[in-house]
Amino acid sequence: MDDPVKDALRLTDASYAKLSGEIERNKKTARTEMIRVGISAEIVNGNSPLVTEAIVTYCQMKMGRPDYYERYKEAWEYMIDSIRKSQSKFISQEVKNDSTE
């Protein structure tokens, strides 16, 4: 299975193998941070592409180009704030999607 963080950081298989521990730690930290700011664990641990994109952005912020840190940080903060503010709609949409499958 492809890892979107690997793709976003443009890592080779060899580089990814060396950094996989750090990547997994950053993914876990991103999820924990989302829960800390008030996003439900149900949303954070689900399979939403919005959550995936927020996690990728967090990893880019932590592991990407240092000169892009502020851009990624701003994007990360915007994403988690938007998810947090809209989580009631978010949950109902997830339920709706699950019922149509």
Protein backbone atom coordinates (compact mmCIF):
# COMPACT_ATOMS: atom_id res chain seq x y z
CA MET A 1 0.00 0.00 0.00
CA ASP A 2 1.31 3.43 -0.89
CA ASP A 3 1.90 5.91 1.87
CA PRO A 4 0.71 9.43 1.02
CA VAL A 5 3.42 10.86 3.29
CA LYS A 6 6.07 9.05 1.28
CA ASP A 7 4.65 10.55 -1.89
CA ALA A 8 4.32 14.05 -0.44
CA LEU A 9 7.91 14.03 0.83
CA ARG A 10 9.03 12.53 -2.50
CA LEU A 11 10.99 9.75 -0.83
CA THR A 12 12.59 6.81 -2.56
CA ASP A 13 11.88 3.34 -1.20
CA ALA A 14 15.31 3.29 0.46
CA SER A 15 14.82 6.70 2.08
CA TYR A 16 11.35 5.74 3.20
CA ALA A 17 12.68 2.56 4.81
CA LYS A 18 15.23 4.61 6.78
CA LEU A 19 12.67 7.23 7.85
CA SER A 20 9.64 5.00 8.42
CA GLY A 21 9.97 5.12 12.21
CA GLU A 22 10.05 8.91 12.23
CA ILE A 23 7.16 9.07 9.75
CA GLU A 24 5.00 6.76 11.85
CA ARG A 25 5.82 8.77 14.98
CA ASN A 26 4.80 12.00 13.23
CA LYS A 27 1.56 10.44 12.00
CA LYS A 28 0.71 9.33 15.53
CA THR A 29 1.60 12.77 16.89
CA ALA A 30 -0.62 14.46 14.28
CA ARG A 31 -3.56 12.24 15.24
CA THR A 32 -2.96 12.87 18.94
CA GLU A 33 -2.76 16.61 18.35
CA MET A 34 -6.04 16.57 16.44
CA ILE A 35 -7.75 14.83 19.35
CA ARG A 36 -6.11 17.25 21.81
CA VAL A 37 -7.65 20.27 20.04
CA GLY A 38 -11.11 18.76 20.15
CA ILE A 39 -11.59 16.67 17.02
CA SER A 40 -13.34 13.44 17.91
CA ALA A 41 -11.29 10.26 17.91
CA GLU A 42 -13.93 8.75 15.62
CA ILE A 43 -13.06 11.28 12.92
CA VAL A 44 -9.32 11.20 13.54
CA ASN A 45 -9.11 7.41 13.40
CA GLY A 46 -11.51 7.09 10.47
CA ASN A 47 -10.51 7.00 6.83
CA SER A 48 -11.39 10.52 5.74
CA PRO A 49 -9.25 12.03 2.99
CA LEU A 50 -9.39 15.35 4.89
CA VAL A 51 -7.76 13.78 7.94
CA THR A 52 -5.23 12.02 5.72
CA GLU A 53 -4.34 15.32 4.07
CA ALA A 54 -3.96 17.01 7.47
CA ILE A 55 -1.61 14.23 8.60
CA VAL A 56 0.42 14.54 5.41
CA THR A 57 0.69 18.29 5.94
CA TYR A 58 1.82 17.76 9.54
CA CYS A 59 4.54 15.39 8.34
CA GLN A 60 5.61 17.88 5.68
CA MET A 61 5.80 20.56 8.36
CA LYS A 62 7.98 18.35 10.56
CA MET A 63 10.08 16.65 7.89
CA GLY A 64 9.87 18.79 4.76
CA ARG A 65 11.88 21.72 3.55
CA PRO A 66 12.79 24.05 6.42
CA ASP A 67 12.06 27.11 4.28
CA TYR A 68 8.45 25.87 3.86
CA TYR A 69 7.86 25.25 7.58
CA GLU A 70 5.66 28.31 8.12
CA ARG A 71 3.54 27.51 5.05
CA TYR A 72 2.95 23.95 6.21
CA LYS A 73 2.29 25.10 9.77
CA GLU A 74 -0.33 27.58 8.61
CA ALA A 75 -1.95 24.93 6.39
CA TRP A 76 -1.94 22.38 9.24
CA GLU A 77 -3.53 24.83 11.66
CA TYR A 78 -6.18 25.82 9.12
CA MET A 79 -7.02 22.19 8.34
CA ILE A 80 -7.43 21.05 11.93
CA ASP A 81 -9.40 24.16 12.82
CA SER A 82 -11.75 23.59 9.87
CA ILE A 83 -12.22 19.92 10.71
CA ARG A 84 -12.84 20.76 14.37
CA LYS A 85 -15.42 23.44 13.53
CA SER A 86 -17.31 21.24 11.08
CA GLN A 87 -17.09 17.88 12.78
CA SER A 88 -20.83 17.55 13.39
CA LYS A 89 -21.41 17.84 9.64
CA PHE A 90 -18.35 15.70 9.08
CA ILE A 91 -19.69 12.84 11.21
CA SER A 92 -23.12 12.94 9.56
CA GLN A 93 -21.47 12.82 6.12
CA GLU A 94 -19.34 9.83 7.19
CA VAL A 95 -22.45 8.04 8.44
CA LYS A 96 -24.26 8.85 5.19
CA ASN A 97 -21.33 7.51 3.14
CA ASP A 98 -21.16 4.33 5.21
CA SER A 99 -24.87 3.64 4.76
CA THR A 100 -24.64 3.87 0.96
CA GLU A 101 -21.93 1.26 0.68
